[in-house]
Amino acid sequence: MTTEPARPAAPRRSKKAEAQQRGARSGAQQSGRSRSPRLSYDDWVDGALALLAREGAAAVRIPRLCEALGVTKGSFYWHFDDIGRLEEAMADRWSTTQAQVIAELAAVDSMPIEQRIEAMATMLVDRNWLVEATVREWSRTRPQVQNAVQELDRKIFDTIRAALAELGFDAETARLRAGAMVYLGIGFIHGRASLPIPTHQEVNAVITLLTRPAP
């Protein structure tokens, strides 16, 4: 049974922002002229997440974000009352992204064991680790993001532990090896800036080492 990817929740705009949009549309209709194009709600959220990845949480401020996107503060307030509303939208977007990854892991559960291990290795290498590392740091002060990160870690652990049990490891050994692989992945996230980046072949070699029964 195929799991459908999670659909993003509808954007949560404030009443103030909605009123501004209604007023602007009404004014444009009365004058017979259309307003100049503005960045969309998604443009702002995507831009903020990209800025977060490049420069860290301290950079996600209205003046810096407007500078990075080449727009004025008025364009920001078209969609958001303040930076807090934007951060809520960023957290919602990240949570949706994590839900999609969890859905992919659920699909992995139905694969034959050899394909399952190879798929997990591919997911490990192909993810956007710069964003991953930055969001994990950001999650320390954002409970909603922290919950999404923890849920993903638990799902990865459960998937790996089940795969190891299917390979014939006893419950305790499967738990220990699954934990080692999860911590290996977290180290992979935070060590990429200072350590050599492993290739697909190297990641597969490490996973094979951890999934091979002891002689």
Protein backbone atom coordinates (compact mmCIF):
# COMPACT_ATOMS: atom_id res chain seq x y z
CA MET A 1 0.00 0.00 0.00
CA THR A 2 1.56 3.30 -1.12
CA THR A 3 1.67 6.16 1.36
CA GLU A 4 0.75 9.50 -0.18
CA PRO A 5 3.09 12.41 0.69
CA ALA A 6 1.75 14.80 3.27
CA ARG A 7 0.09 17.85 1.78
CA PRO A 8 1.24 21.23 3.06
CA ALA A 9 -1.21 22.87 5.43
CA ALA A 10 -2.91 26.05 4.26
CA PRO A 11 -0.85 29.17 5.14
CA ARG A 12 -1.86 30.78 8.42
CA ARG A 13 -2.02 34.50 7.71
CA SER A 14 -2.93 36.97 10.42
CA LYS A 15 -6.17 38.97 10.35
CA LYS A 16 -4.13 42.14 9.85
CA ALA A 17 -2.38 40.75 6.75
CA GLU A 18 -5.68 39.49 5.33
CA ALA A 19 -7.27 42.90 5.85
CA GLN A 20 -4.33 44.57 4.11
CA GLN A 21 -4.75 42.27 1.12
CA ARG A 22 -8.51 42.85 0.91
CA GLY A 23 -8.00 46.61 1.09
CA ALA A 24 -5.29 46.56 -1.57
CA ARG A 25 -7.43 44.47 -3.94
CA SER A 26 -10.40 46.78 -3.42
CA GLY A 27 -8.27 49.86 -4.08
CA ALA A 28 -6.84 48.35 -7.24
CA GLN A 29 -10.33 47.53 -8.52
CA GLN A 30 -11.60 51.05 -7.82
CA SER A 31 -8.65 52.72 -9.54
CA GLY A 32 -8.78 50.33 -12.48
CA ARG A 33 -5.05 49.65 -12.13
CA SER A 34 -3.33 46.50 -10.90
CA ARG A 35 -0.77 46.68 -8.16
CA SER A 36 2.90 45.93 -8.83
CA PRO A 37 3.81 42.25 -8.40
CA ARG A 38 4.79 41.17 -4.90
CA LEU A 39 6.57 38.12 -3.58
CA SER A 40 4.14 35.34 -2.74
CA TYR A 41 3.68 33.91 0.73
CA ASP A 42 5.68 30.83 -0.34
CA ASP A 43 8.45 33.04 -1.76
CA TRP A 44 8.92 34.62 1.66
CA VAL A 45 8.95 31.31 3.51
CA ASP A 46 11.34 29.71 1.03
CA GLY A 47 13.58 32.78 1.11
CA ALA A 48 13.64 32.79 4.90
CA LEU A 49 14.57 29.09 5.05
CA ALA A 50 17.32 29.65 2.48
CA LEU A 51 18.66 32.58 4.50
CA LEU A 52 18.51 30.45 7.64
CA ALA A 53 20.62 27.79 5.93
CA ARG A 54 23.17 30.27 4.59
CA GLU A 55 23.62 32.60 7.55
CA GLY A 56 21.99 31.02 10.60
CA ALA A 57 19.04 31.92 12.80
CA ALA A 58 20.44 35.34 13.77
CA ALA A 59 20.14 36.48 10.14
CA VAL A 60 16.39 35.85 9.93
CA ARG A 61 15.38 39.44 10.57
CA ILE A 62 13.10 41.62 8.48
CA PRO A 63 15.76 44.10 7.20
CA ARG A 64 18.25 41.35 6.26
CA LEU A 65 15.57 39.22 4.63
CA CYS A 66 14.26 42.17 2.58
CA GLU A 67 17.82 42.92 1.49
CA ALA A 68 18.42 39.30 0.47
CA LEU A 69 15.16 39.16 -1.51
CA GLY A 70 15.48 42.63 -3.02
CA VAL A 71 12.18 43.98 -1.72
CA THR A 72 10.89 46.54 0.80
CA LYS A 73 9.48 46.03 4.27
CA GLY A 74 6.06 46.89 2.89
CA SER A 75 6.20 43.71 0.84
CA PHE A 76 6.92 41.73 4.00
CA TYR A 77 3.94 43.19 5.87
CA TRP A 78 1.69 42.29 2.95
CA HIS A 79 1.82 38.71 4.27
CA PHE A 80 3.01 38.85 7.91
CA ASP A 81 2.36 41.01 10.95
CA ASP A 82 5.87 40.49 12.33
CA ILE A 83 8.89 38.19 12.26
CA GLY A 84 7.18 35.82 14.70
CA ARG A 85 4.47 35.07 12.13
CA LEU A 86 7.11 34.33 9.51
CA GLU A 87 8.94 31.99 11.90
CA GLU A 88 5.67 30.13 12.51
CA ALA A 89 5.31 29.70 8.75
CA MET A 90 8.90 28.48 8.49
CA ALA A 91 8.26 25.93 11.24
CA ASP A 92 5.09 24.77 9.47
CA ARG A 93 6.98 24.34 6.20
CA TRP A 94 9.79 22.38 7.84
CA SER A 95 7.31 20.15 9.68
CA THR A 96 5.59 19.40 6.36
CA THR A 97 8.96 18.55 4.78
CA GLN A 98 9.75 16.19 7.63
CA ALA A 99 6.33 14.54 7.27
CA GLN A 100 7.16 13.83 3.63
CA VAL A 101 10.47 12.21 4.65
CA ILE A 102 8.61 10.04 7.17
CA ALA A 103 6.20 9.00 4.41
CA GLU A 104 9.20 7.99 2.28
CA LEU A 105 10.51 5.91 5.18
CA ALA A 106 7.13 4.21 5.48
CA ALA A 107 7.43 3.24 1.82
CA VAL A 108 10.92 1.87 2.50
CA ASP A 109 9.42 -0.52 5.07
CA SER A 110 7.70 -2.48 2.27
CA MET A 111 10.89 -3.06 0.25
CA PRO A 112 12.93 -6.28 0.31
CA ILE A 113 15.60 -6.03 2.99
CA GLU A 114 18.58 -5.50 0.64
CA GLN A 115 16.80 -2.74 -1.28
CA ARG A 116 15.66 -1.19 1.98
CA ILE A 117 19.21 -0.77 3.27
CA GLU A 118 20.39 0.65 -0.05
CA ALA A 119 17.47 3.12 -0.11
CA MET A 120 18.28 4.33 3.40
CA ALA A 121 21.91 4.87 2.39
CA THR A 122 20.81 6.91 -0.63
CA MET A 123 18.51 9.06 1.50
CA LEU A 124 21.40 9.67 3.90
CA VAL A 125 23.70 11.00 1.16
CA ASP A 126 21.17 12.88 -0.97
CA ARG A 127 19.50 15.04 1.69
CA ASN A 128 20.21 18.78 1.96
CA TRP A 129 22.53 18.58 4.95
CA LEU A 130 23.28 22.29 5.16
CA VAL A 131 19.60 23.00 5.77
CA GLU A 132 19.33 19.95 8.04
CA ALA A 133 22.18 21.06 10.31
CA THR A 134 20.94 24.65 10.53
CA VAL A 135 17.36 23.65 11.28
CA ARG A 136 18.54 21.28 14.03
CA GLU A 137 20.31 24.21 15.66
CA TRP A 138 17.23 26.40 15.18
CA SER A 139 15.01 23.72 16.72
CA ARG A 140 16.66 24.24 20.11
CA THR A 141 14.52 27.36 20.55
CA ARG A 142 11.49 26.33 18.44
CA PRO A 143 9.43 23.51 20.04
CA GLN A 144 7.40 22.85 16.87
CA VAL A 145 10.56 22.31 14.82
CA GLN A 146 12.13 20.28 17.62
CA ASN A 147 9.11 17.96 17.67
CA ALA A 148 9.41 17.38 13.91
CA VAL A 149 13.14 16.62 14.19
CA GLN A 150 12.58 14.19 17.07
CA GLU A 151 9.73 12.44 15.27
CA LEU A 152 11.93 11.92 12.21
CA ASP A 153 14.82 10.56 14.33
CA ARG A 154 12.50 8.09 16.06
CA LYS A 155 11.05 6.91 12.74
CA ILE A 156 14.53 6.41 11.28
CA PHE A 157 15.58 4.45 14.37
CA ASP A 158 12.47 2.24 14.27
CA THR A 159 12.92 1.57 10.53
CA ILE A 160 16.56 0.58 10.94
CA ARG A 161 15.88 -1.55 14.02
CA ALA A 162 13.12 -3.43 12.18
CA ALA A 163 15.41 -4.03 9.21
CA LEU A 164 18.16 -5.40 11.47
CA ALA A 165 15.69 -7.68 13.26
CA GLU A 166 14.59 -8.99 9.87
CA LEU A 167 18.24 -9.73 9.09
CA GLY A 168 18.28 -12.04 12.11
CA PHE A 169 19.78 -9.90 14.87
CA ASP A 170 18.34 -10.37 18.34
CA ALA A 171 16.36 -7.47 19.84
CA GLU A 172 19.23 -6.03 21.90
CA THR A 173 21.78 -6.21 19.09
CA ALA A 174 19.29 -4.69 16.64
CA ARG A 175 18.67 -1.84 19.10
CA LEU A 176 22.38 -1.18 19.64
CA ARG A 177 23.26 -1.26 15.95
CA ALA A 178 20.28 0.88 15.00
CA GLY A 179 21.35 3.44 17.59
CA ALA A 180 24.89 3.43 16.19
CA MET A 181 23.58 4.07 12.68
CA VAL A 182 21.30 6.91 13.81
CA TYR A 183 24.11 8.60 15.73
CA LEU A 184 26.36 8.07 12.72
CA GLY A 185 23.82 9.95 10.61
CA ILE A 186 23.60 12.83 13.11
CA GLY A 187 27.40 13.04 13.17
CA PHE A 188 27.32 13.03 9.39
CA ILE A 189 25.09 16.12 9.52
CA HIS A 190 27.34 18.15 11.82
CA GLY A 191 30.72 16.93 10.57
CA ARG A 192 30.34 17.77 6.90
CA ALA A 193 31.90 21.23 7.33
CA SER A 194 35.19 19.89 8.70
CA LEU A 195 35.44 16.25 7.58
CA PRO A 196 35.64 14.61 4.14
CA ILE A 197 32.20 14.00 2.65
CA PRO A 198 31.68 10.26 2.12
CA THR A 199 30.60 8.92 -1.24
CA HIS A 200 27.60 6.63 -1.83
CA GLN A 201 30.03 3.68 -1.92
CA GLU A 202 31.61 4.65 1.41
CA VAL A 203 28.22 5.09 3.09
CA ASN A 204 27.13 1.69 1.75
CA ALA A 205 30.36 0.15 3.08
CA VAL A 206 29.70 1.52 6.58
CA ILE A 207 26.09 0.32 6.53
CA THR A 208 27.21 -3.12 5.32
CA LEU A 209 29.68 -3.22 8.22
CA LEU A 210 26.92 -2.46 10.72
CA THR A 211 24.43 -4.86 9.19
CA ARG A 212 26.81 -7.81 8.83
CA PRO A 213 26.38 -10.49 11.51
CA ALA A 214 29.36 -11.06 13.79
CA PRO A 215 31.48 -14.07 12.75
